Protein backbone atom coordinates (compact mmCIF):
# COMPACT_ATOMS: atom_id res chain seq x y z
CA MET A 1 0.00 0.00 0.00
CA ARG A 2 2.77 2.39 0.96
CA SER A 3 4.65 1.69 -2.28
CA HIS A 4 1.53 2.40 -4.30
CA LEU A 5 0.83 5.65 -2.45
CA GLU A 6 4.46 6.74 -2.86
CA ALA A 7 4.20 6.07 -6.61
CA VAL A 8 1.05 8.23 -6.76
CA TYR A 9 2.91 10.98 -4.89
CA ARG A 10 5.90 10.82 -7.27
CA GLN A 11 3.66 10.92 -10.35
CA THR A 12 1.25 13.63 -9.23
CA GLY A 13 3.36 15.65 -6.83
CA LYS A 14 0.40 15.59 -4.44
CA MET A 15 0.75 13.52 -1.26
CA PRO A 16 -2.27 11.32 -0.59
CA GLN A 17 -3.61 11.93 2.93
CA THR A 18 -3.36 8.22 3.70
CA LEU A 19 0.40 8.34 3.01
CA ALA A 20 0.80 11.31 5.32
CA ASP A 21 -0.96 9.33 8.06
CA ILE A 22 1.31 6.25 7.78
CA PRO A 23 4.11 6.40 10.34
CA GLY A 24 7.56 5.63 9.02
CA VAL A 25 10.12 3.25 10.46
CA PRO A 26 12.41 5.07 12.94
CA SER A 27 15.87 5.55 11.45
CA GLU A 28 17.37 3.40 14.22
CA LEU A 29 15.33 0.43 12.96
CA THR A 30 15.86 0.87 9.21
CA TYR A 31 18.39 -1.97 9.13
CA LEU A 32 15.88 -4.29 10.80
CA TRP A 33 13.12 -3.30 8.37
CA GLN A 34 15.51 -4.06 5.47
CA TRP A 35 16.22 -7.49 6.97
CA PHE A 36 12.47 -8.14 7.27
CA CYS A 37 11.91 -7.11 3.64
CA ASP A 38 14.68 -9.48 2.54
CA LEU A 39 13.11 -12.34 4.51
CA ASP A 40 9.66 -11.46 3.17
CA LEU A 41 10.85 -11.78 -0.43
CA ALA A 42 12.07 -15.32 0.24
CA ARG A 43 8.98 -16.53 2.11
CA GLY A 44 7.06 -19.59 1.04
CA GLY A 45 3.37 -20.22 0.70
CA ASN A 46 1.04 -23.17 1.07
CA GLY A 47 -1.48 -22.54 -1.70
CA PHE A 48 -3.86 -20.78 0.70
CA GLY A 49 -1.62 -17.84 1.47
CA MET A 50 1.80 -17.00 2.77
CA ASN A 51 3.49 -18.98 5.50
CA PRO A 52 4.71 -17.16 8.58
CA LEU A 53 8.46 -16.83 8.92
CA SER A 54 9.66 -19.68 11.09
CA TYR A 55 12.47 -19.65 13.61
CA THR A 56 14.26 -22.11 11.32
CA GLU A 57 14.05 -19.68 8.41
CA LEU A 58 15.23 -16.80 10.56
CA HIS A 59 18.15 -18.88 11.78
CA ALA A 60 19.11 -20.02 8.27
CA TRP A 61 18.88 -16.46 6.94
CA SER A 62 21.02 -15.10 9.77
CA GLU A 63 23.62 -17.84 9.29
CA LEU A 64 23.74 -17.22 5.53
CA HIS A 65 24.28 -13.50 6.05
CA ARG A 66 26.50 -13.97 9.12
CA ILE A 67 24.21 -11.78 11.19
CA HIS A 68 23.58 -12.43 14.86
CA LEU A 69 19.93 -11.66 15.60
CA GLU A 70 19.26 -10.46 19.11
CA PRO A 71 16.11 -11.88 20.76
CA TRP A 72 14.34 -8.51 20.57
CA GLU A 73 15.15 -8.29 16.84
CA VAL A 74 13.62 -11.73 16.26
CA GLU A 75 10.52 -10.62 18.18
CA ALA A 76 10.24 -7.42 16.13
CA ILE A 77 10.56 -9.34 12.85
CA ARG A 78 7.93 -11.85 13.95
CA ARG A 79 5.53 -9.06 14.96
CA TRP A 80 5.99 -7.33 11.59
CA ASP A 81 5.47 -10.72 9.98
CA ALA A 82 2.15 -11.24 11.78
CA VAL A 83 0.96 -7.84 10.57
CA ARG A 84 2.18 -8.58 7.03
CA ILE A 85 0.20 -11.83 6.91
CA ARG A 86 -2.91 -10.23 8.43
CA VAL A 87 -2.87 -7.39 5.88
CA ALA A 88 -2.29 -9.83 2.99
CA ASN A 89 -5.19 -11.97 4.15
CA GLU A 90 -7.52 -8.96 4.35
CA LYS A 91 -7.01 -8.34 0.63
């Protein structure tokens, strides 16, 4: 949704009100949001929708990228993931 609204803004030069109302990711968490987006692109599905990111997938991703995920980072990613799945299912 955000990507679509940003595209509208770039094309028209007029910011949609909905975009103005969407809070951004704090700059301190940008790296974590980028990690989540990377994981989201590699997620699997089961024919009925997307699968939640598992601890196994998080571990494999972190090993592959040689990144040590702190427990709070795992929790943040899993919370974003739950919202991602909920929003996708509402469509």
